[in-house]
Amino acid sequence: MRSATLMNSVPMLINVATLTGAMDVALGSGATGTFTNDDDMWELLYQAAHKTGDRLWRMPLFSQYRKQIDSHLADINNVGKRGRSAGGCTAAAFLNEFVEVQKWASLDTAGVMESHGEVPYLSMGLSGRPTRTLIEFVRLMYGVE
């Protein structure tokens, strides 16, 4: 059981993962797919990404995606009822079921995790994206230059 005190003291949560191949199909290496339940958090993430050059693209968390993971055998399914359809969105809906903080963002890095030479400032191989954006996000959040 989680500590209510701990969860109440966390102002926000950001998870970063190569969550779905669907995000690679949707955005490729052009941007990190970003799901969030908070507009202010999104604005700060977007500003940070713009400053660092590591683009983020906001993806929808529509209620219909939550309905796609309903199950008659379990509480929820970890795969949508329609198979690959909206795979990134249904995966985020699944994660959202376990979020216990007011502000949450999930950054799906499946398309940006590896550089193939299309981003001028990155060498070939694993990119580390969006680490620069996350550092800038914290700087902006706390007003650090």
C-alpha atoms as a PDB file:
ATOM      1  CA  MET A   1       0.000   0.000   0.000  1.00  0.00           C
ATOM      2  CA  ARG A   2       1.322   3.422  -0.950  1.00  0.00           C
ATOM      3  CA  SER A   3       1.949   6.047   1.651  1.00  0.00           C
ATOM      4  CA  ALA A   4      -0.710   8.752   1.347  1.00  0.00           C
ATOM      5  CA  THR A   5       1.748  11.234   2.859  1.00  0.00           C
ATOM      6  CA  LEU A   6       4.335  10.503   0.184  1.00  0.00           C
ATOM      7  CA  MET A   7       1.858  10.744  -2.696  1.00  0.00           C
ATOM      8  CA  ASN A   8       0.402  13.997  -1.335  1.00  0.00           C
ATOM      9  CA  SER A   9       3.865  15.541  -1.125  1.00  0.00           C
ATOM     10  CA  VAL A  10       4.736  14.857  -4.781  1.00  0.00           C
ATOM     11  CA  PRO A  11       3.777  17.946  -6.822  1.00  0.00           C
ATOM     12  CA  MET A  12       3.847  16.133 -10.165  1.00  0.00           C
ATOM     13  CA  LEU A  13       5.000  12.998 -11.925  1.00  0.00           C
ATOM     14  CA  ILE A  14       6.740  12.611 -15.274  1.00  0.00           C
ATOM     15  CA  ASN A  15       7.411   9.164 -16.651  1.00  0.00           C
ATOM     16  CA  VAL A  16       9.659   8.654 -19.668  1.00  0.00           C
ATOM     17  CA  ALA A  17       9.603   5.368 -21.540  1.00  0.00           C
ATOM     18  CA  THR A  18       9.812   3.732 -24.931  1.00  0.00           C
ATOM     19  CA  LEU A  19       6.198   2.856 -24.305  1.00  0.00           C
ATOM     20  CA  THR A  20       4.838   1.876 -27.712  1.00  0.00           C
ATOM     21  CA  GLY A  21       5.961   1.237 -31.240  1.00  0.00           C
ATOM     22  CA  ALA A  22       2.777   3.075 -32.169  1.00  0.00           C
ATOM     23  CA  MET A  23       4.446   6.347 -31.187  1.00  0.00           C
ATOM     24  CA  ASP A  24       7.357   5.595 -33.499  1.00  0.00           C
ATOM     25  CA  VAL A  25       4.846   5.023 -36.304  1.00  0.00           C
ATOM     26  CA  ALA A  26       2.909   8.210 -35.449  1.00  0.00           C
ATOM     27  CA  LEU A  27       5.780  10.672 -34.945  1.00  0.00           C
ATOM     28  CA  GLY A  28       8.991   8.926 -35.926  1.00  0.00           C
ATOM     29  CA  SER A  29      12.076  10.799 -34.765  1.00  0.00           C
ATOM     30  CA  GLY A  30      10.359  14.183 -35.167  1.00  0.00           C
ATOM     31  CA  ALA A  31       9.035  14.555 -31.632  1.00  0.00           C
ATOM     32  CA  THR A  32       8.450  12.824 -28.319  1.00  0.00           C
ATOM     33  CA  GLY A  33       4.789  11.891 -27.891  1.00  0.00           C
ATOM     34  CA  THR A  34       3.544  13.546 -24.718  1.00  0.00           C
ATOM     35  CA  PHE A  35       0.399  12.726 -22.757  1.00  0.00           C
ATOM     36  CA  THR A  36      -0.561  14.920 -19.825  1.00  0.00           C
ATOM     37  CA  ASN A  37      -3.576  15.635 -17.676  1.00  0.00           C
ATOM     38  CA  ASP A  38      -2.510  19.210 -16.915  1.00  0.00           C
ATOM     39  CA  ASP A  39      -2.424  22.165 -19.327  1.00  0.00           C
ATOM     40  CA  ASP A  40       0.004  24.234 -17.228  1.00  0.00           C
ATOM     41  CA  MET A  41       2.432  21.331 -17.064  1.00  0.00           C
ATOM     42  CA  TRP A  42       2.152  20.912 -20.828  1.00  0.00           C
ATOM     43  CA  GLU A  43       2.920  24.609 -21.422  1.00  0.00           C
ATOM     44  CA  LEU A  44       6.073  24.407 -19.313  1.00  0.00           C
ATOM     45  CA  LEU A  45       7.193  21.171 -21.001  1.00  0.00           C
ATOM     46  CA  TYR A  46       6.533  22.736 -24.408  1.00  0.00           C
ATOM     47  CA  GLN A  47       8.568  25.847 -23.534  1.00  0.00           C
ATOM     48  CA  ALA A  48      11.429  23.679 -22.307  1.00  0.00           C
ATOM     49  CA  ALA A  49      11.349  21.568 -25.466  1.00  0.00           C
ATOM     50  CA  HIS A  50      11.284  24.648 -27.678  1.00  0.00           C
ATOM     51  CA  LYS A  51      14.327  26.058 -25.890  1.00  0.00           C
ATOM     52  CA  THR A  52      16.331  22.817 -26.175  1.00  0.00           C
ATOM     53  CA  GLY A  53      15.271  21.854 -29.692  1.00  0.00           C
ATOM     54  CA  ASP A  54      13.954  18.453 -28.554  1.00  0.00           C
ATOM     55  CA  ARG A  55      10.403  18.732 -29.804  1.00  0.00           C
ATOM     56  CA  LEU A  56       7.420  17.361 -27.905  1.00  0.00           C
ATOM     57  CA  TRP A  57       3.991  16.745 -29.418  1.00  0.00           C
ATOM     58  CA  ARG A  58       0.916  16.637 -27.205  1.00  0.00           C
ATOM     59  CA  MET A  59      -1.177  13.535 -27.705  1.00  0.00           C
ATOM     60  CA  PRO A  60      -4.827  13.145 -26.641  1.00  0.00           C
ATOM     61  CA  LEU A  61      -6.104  11.476 -23.481  1.00  0.00           C
ATOM     62  CA  PHE A  62      -9.728  11.278 -24.619  1.00  0.00           C
ATOM     63  CA  SER A  63     -12.149   9.270 -22.467  1.00  0.00           C
ATOM     64  CA  GLN A  64     -12.830   6.943 -25.412  1.00  0.00           C
ATOM     65  CA  TYR A  65      -9.296   5.551 -25.024  1.00  0.00           C
ATOM     66  CA  ARG A  66     -10.078   4.609 -21.424  1.00  0.00           C
ATOM     67  CA  LYS A  67     -13.177   2.768 -22.637  1.00  0.00           C
ATOM     68  CA  GLN A  68     -11.009   0.770 -25.059  1.00  0.00           C
ATOM     69  CA  ILE A  69      -9.157  -0.845 -22.150  1.00  0.00           C
ATOM     70  CA  ASP A  70     -12.293  -1.955 -20.282  1.00  0.00           C
ATOM     71  CA  SER A  71     -12.369  -5.673 -19.611  1.00  0.00           C
ATOM     72  CA  HIS A  72     -14.972  -8.233 -18.635  1.00  0.00           C
ATOM     73  CA  LEU A  73     -12.248 -10.519 -17.194  1.00  0.00           C
ATOM     74  CA  ALA A  74     -10.126  -8.029 -15.249  1.00  0.00           C
ATOM     75  CA  ASP A  75     -10.291  -4.477 -13.931  1.00  0.00           C
ATOM     76  CA  ILE A  76      -8.657  -3.224 -17.130  1.00  0.00           C
ATOM     77  CA  ASN A  77      -6.713  -4.560 -20.102  1.00  0.00           C
ATOM     78  CA  ASN A  78      -3.219  -3.340 -20.902  1.00  0.00           C
ATOM     79  CA  VAL A  79      -4.048  -3.468 -24.625  1.00  0.00           C
ATOM     80  CA  GLY A  80      -6.958  -1.715 -26.317  1.00  0.00           C
ATOM     81  CA  LYS A  81      -9.950  -3.680 -27.596  1.00  0.00           C
ATOM     82  CA  ARG A  82      -9.212  -2.565 -31.140  1.00  0.00           C
ATOM     83  CA  GLY A  83      -5.705  -4.021 -31.265  1.00  0.00           C
ATOM     84  CA  ARG A  84      -3.180  -1.587 -32.680  1.00  0.00           C
ATOM     85  CA  SER A  85      -5.699   1.214 -33.190  1.00  0.00           C
ATOM     86  CA  ALA A  86      -4.631   4.238 -31.102  1.00  0.00           C
ATOM     87  CA  GLY A  87      -1.991   2.084 -29.400  1.00  0.00           C
ATOM     88  CA  GLY A  88      -0.087   4.992 -27.865  1.00  0.00           C
ATOM     89  CA  CYS A  89      -3.284   6.583 -26.583  1.00  0.00           C
ATOM     90  CA  THR A  90      -4.652   3.396 -25.042  1.00  0.00           C
ATOM     91  CA  ALA A  91      -1.266   2.700 -23.419  1.00  0.00           C
ATOM     92  CA  ALA A  92      -1.339   6.176 -21.858  1.00  0.00           C
ATOM     93  CA  ALA A  93      -4.926   5.587 -20.708  1.00  0.00           C
ATOM     94  CA  PHE A  94      -3.701   2.398 -19.024  1.00  0.00           C
ATOM     95  CA  LEU A  95      -0.859   4.233 -17.251  1.00  0.00           C
ATOM     96  CA  ASN A  96      -3.216   7.015 -16.220  1.00  0.00           C
ATOM     97  CA  GLU A  97      -5.223   4.495 -14.193  1.00  0.00           C
ATOM     98  CA  PHE A  98      -2.281   4.184 -11.782  1.00  0.00           C
ATOM     99  CA  VAL A  99      -1.436   7.880 -11.434  1.00  0.00           C
ATOM    100  CA  GLU A 100      -2.176   9.214  -7.961  1.00  0.00           C
ATOM    101  CA  VAL A 101      -0.904  12.772  -8.361  1.00  0.00           C
ATOM    102  CA  GLN A 102      -2.745  15.827  -9.696  1.00  0.00           C
ATOM    103  CA  LYS A 103      -0.218  16.632 -12.438  1.00  0.00           C
ATOM    104  CA  TRP A 104       1.136  13.865 -14.635  1.00  0.00           C
ATOM    105  CA  ALA A 105       2.920  13.592 -17.958  1.00  0.00           C
ATOM    106  CA  SER A 106       4.028  10.535 -19.884  1.00  0.00           C
ATOM    107  CA  LEU A 107       6.707  11.004 -22.529  1.00  0.00           C
ATOM    108  CA  ASP A 108       6.810   8.165 -25.060  1.00  0.00           C
ATOM    109  CA  THR A 109      10.315   8.158 -26.521  1.00  0.00           C
ATOM    110  CA  ALA A 110       9.957   5.168 -28.840  1.00  0.00           C
ATOM    111  CA  GLY A 111      10.539   7.295 -31.941  1.00  0.00           C
ATOM    112  CA  VAL A 112      13.302   9.536 -30.582  1.00  0.00           C
ATOM    113  CA  MET A 113      15.366   7.100 -28.520  1.00  0.00           C
ATOM    114  CA  GLU A 114      17.847   6.511 -31.312  1.00  0.00           C
ATOM    115  CA  SER A 115      19.451   8.960 -33.714  1.00  0.00           C
ATOM    116  CA  HIS A 116      19.901   7.938 -37.322  1.00  0.00           C
ATOM    117  CA  GLY A 117      21.634  11.167 -38.344  1.00  0.00           C
ATOM    118  CA  GLU A 118      18.543  13.296 -38.968  1.00  0.00           C
ATOM    119  CA  VAL A 119      19.107  15.567 -35.937  1.00  0.00           C
ATOM    120  CA  PRO A 120      22.224  17.692 -36.582  1.00  0.00           C
ATOM    121  CA  TYR A 121      23.442  17.999 -32.975  1.00  0.00           C
ATOM    122  CA  LEU A 122      23.147  14.276 -32.159  1.00  0.00           C
ATOM    123  CA  SER A 123      25.626  11.579 -33.074  1.00  0.00           C
ATOM    124  CA  MET A 124      24.391   8.233 -34.369  1.00  0.00           C
ATOM    125  CA  GLY A 125      23.038   5.808 -31.787  1.00  0.00           C
ATOM    126  CA  LEU A 126      21.075   6.237 -28.581  1.00  0.00           C
ATOM    127  CA  SER A 127      20.086   9.884 -28.256  1.00  0.00           C
ATOM    128  CA  GLY A 128      19.248  10.500 -24.608  1.00  0.00           C
ATOM    129  CA  ARG A 129      16.262  12.542 -25.749  1.00  0.00           C
ATOM    130  CA  PRO A 130      14.441  14.256 -24.000  1.00  0.00           C
ATOM    131  CA  THR A 131      16.944  14.616 -21.116  1.00  0.00           C
ATOM    132  CA  ARG A 132      17.843  18.197 -22.096  1.00  0.00           C
ATOM    133  CA  THR A 133      14.153  19.091 -22.112  1.00  0.00           C
ATOM    134  CA  LEU A 134      13.570  17.595 -18.661  1.00  0.00           C
ATOM    135  CA  ILE A 135      16.506  19.546 -17.215  1.00  0.00           C
ATOM    136  CA  GLU A 136      15.195  22.744 -18.793  1.00  0.00           C
ATOM    137  CA  PHE A 137      11.689  21.964 -17.502  1.00  0.00           C
ATOM    138  CA  VAL A 138      12.992  21.833 -13.920  1.00  0.00           C
ATOM    139  CA  ARG A 139      14.925  25.074 -14.481  1.00  0.00           C
ATOM    140  CA  LEU A 140      11.816  26.829 -15.756  1.00  0.00           C
ATOM    141  CA  MET A 141       9.660  25.407 -12.990  1.00  0.00           C
ATOM    142  CA  TYR A 142      11.975  26.724 -10.274  1.00  0.00           C
ATOM    143  CA  GLY A 143      13.119  29.893 -12.059  1.00  0.00           C
ATOM    144  CA  VAL A 144      16.748  28.802 -12.357  1.00  0.00           C
ATOM    145  CA  GLU A 145      18.819  30.366 -15.144  1.00  0.00           C
END
